[in-house]
Amino acid sequence: MDEQSRAAKRNKFGGTKYVYRPDEMKALRSFFYTEWQHRFPDAPILYWT
């Protein structure tokens, strides 16, 4: 995981995690939602983080 290509997200305790940039996250979300519905048609997706 290359920290330079990720966005930094900080929590209220001062911790830092590196996450995908918003455009990458949207693409990943779209892919996984499509695949999830295809493979598990009756299973709900409760949340995305």
C-alpha atoms as a PDB file:
ATOM      1  CA  MET A   1       0.000   0.000   0.000  1.00  0.00           C
ATOM      2  CA  ASP A   2       1.641   3.168  -1.198  1.00  0.00           C
ATOM      3  CA  GLU A   3       0.818   6.039   1.175  1.00  0.00           C
ATOM      4  CA  GLN A   4       1.650   8.618  -1.503  1.00  0.00           C
ATOM      5  CA  SER A   5      -1.168   7.426  -3.756  1.00  0.00           C
ATOM      6  CA  ARG A   6      -3.760   7.250  -0.953  1.00  0.00           C
ATOM      7  CA  ALA A   7      -5.766   9.836   0.927  1.00  0.00           C
ATOM      8  CA  ALA A   8      -5.077  10.199   4.652  1.00  0.00           C
ATOM      9  CA  LYS A   9      -8.028   9.966   7.013  1.00  0.00           C
ATOM     10  CA  ARG A  10      -7.610  10.922  10.657  1.00  0.00           C
ATOM     11  CA  ASN A  11      -9.770   9.939  13.590  1.00  0.00           C
ATOM     12  CA  LYS A  12     -10.607  11.843  16.753  1.00  0.00           C
ATOM     13  CA  PHE A  13      -7.785  10.122  18.658  1.00  0.00           C
ATOM     14  CA  GLY A  14      -5.075  11.293  16.282  1.00  0.00           C
ATOM     15  CA  GLY A  15      -4.714   8.028  14.402  1.00  0.00           C
ATOM     16  CA  THR A  16      -4.202   8.025  10.649  1.00  0.00           C
ATOM     17  CA  LYS A  17      -5.291   5.517   8.053  1.00  0.00           C
ATOM     18  CA  TYR A  18      -4.727   5.622   4.332  1.00  0.00           C
ATOM     19  CA  VAL A  19      -7.785   5.112   2.161  1.00  0.00           C
ATOM     20  CA  TYR A  20      -8.599   5.063  -1.540  1.00  0.00           C
ATOM     21  CA  ARG A  21      -9.227   8.406  -3.190  1.00  0.00           C
ATOM     22  CA  PRO A  22     -12.920   9.257  -3.781  1.00  0.00           C
ATOM     23  CA  ASP A  23     -12.919   8.444  -7.513  1.00  0.00           C
ATOM     24  CA  GLU A  24     -11.302   5.054  -6.884  1.00  0.00           C
ATOM     25  CA  MET A  25     -13.708   4.368  -4.025  1.00  0.00           C
ATOM     26  CA  LYS A  26     -16.718   5.070  -6.266  1.00  0.00           C
ATOM     27  CA  ALA A  27     -15.414   2.643  -8.886  1.00  0.00           C
ATOM     28  CA  LEU A  28     -14.781  -0.046  -6.257  1.00  0.00           C
ATOM     29  CA  ARG A  29     -18.189   0.467  -4.701  1.00  0.00           C
ATOM     30  CA  SER A  30     -19.912   0.168  -8.069  1.00  0.00           C
ATOM     31  CA  PHE A  31     -18.004  -3.012  -8.898  1.00  0.00           C
ATOM     32  CA  PHE A  32     -18.686  -4.705  -5.569  1.00  0.00           C
ATOM     33  CA  TYR A  33     -22.370  -3.734  -5.482  1.00  0.00           C
ATOM     34  CA  THR A  34     -22.857  -5.149  -8.988  1.00  0.00           C
ATOM     35  CA  GLU A  35     -21.015  -8.362  -8.169  1.00  0.00           C
ATOM     36  CA  TRP A  36     -22.808  -8.740  -4.837  1.00  0.00           C
ATOM     37  CA  GLN A  37     -26.228  -8.432  -6.455  1.00  0.00           C
ATOM     38  CA  HIS A  38     -25.231 -10.881  -9.182  1.00  0.00           C
ATOM     39  CA  ARG A  39     -23.898 -13.517  -6.774  1.00  0.00           C
ATOM     40  CA  PHE A  40     -26.285 -12.971  -3.836  1.00  0.00           C
ATOM     41  CA  PRO A  41     -29.549 -11.621  -5.286  1.00  0.00           C
ATOM     42  CA  ASP A  42     -31.554 -11.864  -2.051  1.00  0.00           C
ATOM     43  CA  ALA A  43     -28.883 -10.605   0.352  1.00  0.00           C
ATOM     44  CA  PRO A  44     -28.995  -6.923   1.304  1.00  0.00           C
ATOM     45  CA  ILE A  45     -25.924  -4.707   1.474  1.00  0.00           C
ATOM     46  CA  LEU A  46     -26.154  -2.969   4.822  1.00  0.00           C
ATOM     47  CA  TYR A  47     -23.334  -0.454   4.518  1.00  0.00           C
ATOM     48  CA  TRP A  48     -20.148   0.455   2.683  1.00  0.00           C
ATOM     49  CA  THR A  49     -17.044   1.757   4.401  1.00  0.00           C
END
